């Protein structure tokens, strides 16, 4: 009985760690995506300003 509780608690801990890791990967990927979009937007603003278009 004691052993099965310990195993269950280890399993839950491992699930929690996995879910934290996945969440952190998802956040990292969102952050990279948003940086990429920001850099594209800045590049497009720069190109337009070179072309004489003011935003």
C-alpha atoms as a PDB file:
ATOM      1  CA  UNK A   1       0.000   0.000   0.000  1.00  0.00           C
ATOM      2  CA  UNK A   2       2.731   2.421   1.020  1.00  0.00           C
ATOM      3  CA  UNK A   3       4.718   1.570  -2.098  1.00  0.00           C
ATOM      4  CA  UNK A   4       1.838   2.138  -4.473  1.00  0.00           C
ATOM      5  CA  UNK A   5       1.223   5.618  -2.996  1.00  0.00           C
ATOM      6  CA  UNK A   6       4.878   6.475  -3.534  1.00  0.00           C
ATOM      7  CA  UNK A   7       4.760   5.195  -7.100  1.00  0.00           C
ATOM      8  CA  UNK A   8       1.584   7.144  -7.784  1.00  0.00           C
ATOM      9  CA  UNK A   9       3.124  10.283  -6.401  1.00  0.00           C
ATOM     10  CA  UNK A  10       6.225   9.795  -8.559  1.00  0.00           C
ATOM     11  CA  UNK A  11       4.029   9.263 -11.623  1.00  0.00           C
ATOM     12  CA  UNK A  12       2.070  12.438 -10.892  1.00  0.00           C
ATOM     13  CA  UNK A  13       5.274  14.378 -10.385  1.00  0.00           C
ATOM     14  CA  UNK A  14       6.630  13.109 -13.663  1.00  0.00           C
ATOM     15  CA  UNK A  15       3.382  14.062 -15.451  1.00  0.00           C
ATOM     16  CA  UNK A  16       3.512  17.512 -13.900  1.00  0.00           C
ATOM     17  CA  UNK A  17       7.122  18.002 -14.981  1.00  0.00           C
ATOM     18  CA  UNK A  18       6.290  16.857 -18.495  1.00  0.00           C
ATOM     19  CA  UNK A  19       3.385  19.241 -18.715  1.00  0.00           C
ATOM     20  CA  UNK A  20       5.563  22.108 -17.410  1.00  0.00           C
ATOM     21  CA  UNK A  21       8.188  21.274 -20.032  1.00  0.00           C
ATOM     22  CA  UNK A  22       5.591  21.228 -22.813  1.00  0.00           C
ATOM     23  CA  UNK A  23       4.144  24.523 -21.604  1.00  0.00           C
ATOM     24  CA  UNK A  24       7.583  26.089 -21.540  1.00  0.00           C
ATOM     25  CA  UNK A  25       8.291  24.809 -25.062  1.00  0.00           C
ATOM     26  CA  UNK A  26       4.975  26.251 -26.250  1.00  0.00           C
ATOM     27  CA  UNK A  27       5.741  29.625 -24.646  1.00  0.00           C
ATOM     28  CA  UNK A  28       9.208  29.647 -26.171  1.00  0.00           C
ATOM     29  CA  UNK A  29       7.783  28.882 -29.591  1.00  0.00           C
ATOM     30  CA  UNK A  30       5.181  31.660 -29.195  1.00  0.00           C
ATOM     31  CA  UNK A  31       7.904  34.089 -28.165  1.00  0.00           C
ATOM     32  CA  UNK A  32      10.072  33.157 -31.148  1.00  0.00           C
ATOM     33  CA  UNK A  33       7.094  33.514 -33.474  1.00  0.00           C
ATOM     34  CA  UNK A  34       6.257  36.926 -32.085  1.00  0.00           C
ATOM     35  CA  UNK A  35       9.900  38.043 -32.405  1.00  0.00           C
ATOM     36  CA  UNK A  36       9.922  36.846 -36.016  1.00  0.00           C
ATOM     37  CA  UNK A  37       6.704  38.729 -36.800  1.00  0.00           C
ATOM     38  CA  UNK A  38       8.045  41.854 -35.135  1.00  0.00           C
ATOM     39  CA  UNK A  39      11.245  41.656 -37.129  1.00  0.00           C
ATOM     40  CA  UNK A  40       9.266  41.152 -40.357  1.00  0.00           C
ATOM     41  CA  UNK A  41       7.140  44.187 -39.523  1.00  0.00           C
ATOM     42  CA  UNK A  42      10.222  46.296 -38.809  1.00  0.00           C
ATOM     43  CA  UNK A  43      11.847  45.136 -42.024  1.00  0.00           C
ATOM     44  CA  UNK A  44       8.748  46.002 -44.007  1.00  0.00           C
ATOM     45  CA  UNK A  45       8.606  49.456 -42.354  1.00  0.00           C
ATOM     46  CA  UNK A  46      12.267  49.996 -43.203  1.00  0.00           C
ATOM     47  CA  UNK A  47      11.753  48.954 -46.820  1.00  0.00           C
ATOM     48  CA  UNK A  48       8.751  51.211 -47.172  1.00  0.00           C
ATOM     49  CA  UNK A  49      10.586  54.142 -45.650  1.00  0.00           C
ATOM     50  CA  UNK A  50      13.444  53.581 -48.080  1.00  0.00           C
ATOM     51  CA  UNK A  51      10.839  53.638 -50.857  1.00  0.00           C
ATOM     52  CA  UNK A  52       9.710  57.028 -49.591  1.00  0.00           C
ATOM     53  CA  UNK A  53       6.481  55.846 -47.979  1.00  0.00           C
ATOM     54  CA  UNK A  54       5.880  57.184 -44.490  1.00  0.00           C
ATOM     55  CA  UNK A  55       3.768  55.223 -42.032  1.00  0.00           C
END
